[in-house]
Amino acid sequence: MRGLLGRDGLGPGEGMLINPAPSVMTFFMRFPIDVVFIDKTYTIVKIVHSLGPWKTAGARGAAAALELPAGTAARLDLQAGTKLALADRDAVS
């Protein structure tokens, strides 16, 4: 339930997948994030760019939320309808 609360930011290449999470809130957070909402098949259903502190966001049909450093979704050219592949964290190190 804590998520990114209490952190000062996310580093490049970092993110947090919250599952289940059809919505997120940034109450008490100190920095903006990009939120990529995905469905059960890991298809992007909505992207919220630079969601600032003290805001909420959600997406119809979303099963999970991928929280990324602000600007990451645009830099990676993520789009609704794109299917994501998630790698095992230990395999990526």
Protein backbone atom coordinates (compact mmCIF):
# COMPACT_ATOMS: atom_id res chain seq x y z
CA MET A 1 0.00 0.00 0.00
CA ARG A 2 2.97 2.36 0.41
CA GLY A 3 4.13 2.45 -3.20
CA LEU A 4 6.34 5.47 -3.89
CA LEU A 5 5.35 7.42 -0.78
CA GLY A 6 8.33 8.70 1.16
CA ARG A 7 10.72 8.45 -1.80
CA ASP A 8 12.39 11.44 -3.42
CA GLY A 9 12.04 10.11 -6.95
CA LEU A 10 12.63 7.27 -9.36
CA GLY A 11 15.92 6.82 -11.17
CA PRO A 12 16.29 6.27 -14.90
CA GLY A 13 15.13 2.78 -15.79
CA GLU A 14 13.21 2.39 -12.53
CA GLY A 15 9.49 1.93 -12.13
CA MET A 16 6.89 0.28 -9.95
CA LEU A 17 4.18 -2.10 -11.15
CA ILE A 18 1.13 -2.03 -8.90
CA ASN A 19 -1.23 -4.94 -9.42
CA PRO A 20 -4.15 -4.73 -8.97
CA ALA A 21 -4.54 -0.99 -9.52
CA PRO A 22 -7.24 0.36 -11.83
CA SER A 23 -6.50 3.75 -10.26
CA VAL A 24 -3.69 5.52 -8.39
CA MET A 25 -3.33 8.50 -6.11
CA THR A 26 -0.29 10.66 -5.50
CA PHE A 27 -1.26 12.08 -2.11
CA PHE A 28 1.83 12.85 -0.01
CA MET A 29 4.19 12.15 -2.94
CA ARG A 30 7.03 14.59 -3.62
CA PHE A 31 7.43 14.28 -7.39
CA PRO A 32 5.40 13.78 -10.60
CA ILE A 33 5.19 10.39 -12.33
CA ASP A 34 3.97 8.92 -15.58
CA VAL A 35 1.29 6.30 -15.02
CA VAL A 36 0.80 3.61 -17.65
CA PHE A 37 -2.46 1.74 -17.06
CA ILE A 38 -2.50 -1.80 -18.46
CA ASP A 39 -5.16 -4.47 -18.76
CA LYS A 40 -4.88 -8.17 -17.84
CA THR A 41 -3.05 -8.92 -21.12
CA TYR A 42 -0.47 -6.13 -20.45
CA THR A 43 -1.93 -3.93 -23.18
CA ILE A 44 -1.74 -0.20 -22.46
CA VAL A 45 -5.24 1.23 -22.03
CA LYS A 46 -4.27 4.76 -20.93
CA ILE A 47 -1.22 6.89 -20.14
CA VAL A 48 -1.24 9.82 -17.74
CA HIS A 49 1.85 11.99 -18.26
CA SER A 50 3.48 13.85 -15.36
CA LEU A 51 0.80 13.20 -12.76
CA GLY A 52 1.73 15.60 -9.98
CA PRO A 53 1.44 15.29 -6.21
CA TRP A 54 -2.03 15.34 -4.67
CA LYS A 55 -3.76 14.01 -7.81
CA THR A 56 -5.70 10.87 -8.74
CA ALA A 57 -6.00 9.01 -12.03
CA GLY A 58 -7.66 5.86 -13.25
CA ALA A 59 -8.55 4.01 -16.41
CA ARG A 60 -11.56 1.97 -17.41
CA GLY A 61 -10.48 -1.59 -18.10
CA ALA A 62 -7.15 -1.25 -16.31
CA ALA A 63 -5.95 -4.10 -14.12
CA ALA A 64 -2.59 -2.63 -13.11
CA ALA A 65 -0.58 0.58 -13.12
CA LEU A 66 3.05 0.99 -14.07
CA GLU A 67 4.51 4.08 -12.39
CA LEU A 68 7.53 5.59 -14.16
CA PRO A 69 9.66 8.72 -13.82
CA ALA A 70 7.88 11.70 -15.39
CA GLY A 71 8.71 11.96 -19.09
CA THR A 72 9.54 8.27 -19.54
CA ALA A 73 6.33 7.33 -21.38
CA ALA A 74 6.90 10.06 -23.99
CA ARG A 75 10.61 9.29 -24.30
CA LEU A 76 9.80 5.62 -24.96
CA ASP A 77 6.92 6.61 -27.28
CA LEU A 78 4.46 4.44 -25.36
CA GLN A 79 0.96 4.48 -26.85
CA ALA A 80 -2.45 3.12 -25.88
CA GLY A 81 -2.91 -0.24 -27.58
CA THR A 82 0.75 -1.27 -27.25
CA LYS A 83 1.27 -4.65 -25.59
CA LEU A 84 4.04 -4.72 -22.99
CA ALA A 85 6.32 -7.61 -22.14
CA LEU A 86 7.51 -7.71 -18.55
CA ALA A 87 10.90 -9.23 -17.81
CA ASP A 88 11.86 -10.95 -14.58
CA ARG A 89 13.71 -8.37 -12.47
CA ASP A 90 16.51 -10.82 -11.60
CA ALA A 91 17.03 -11.64 -15.28
CA VAL A 92 17.50 -7.95 -16.13
CA SER A 93 20.19 -7.09 -13.54
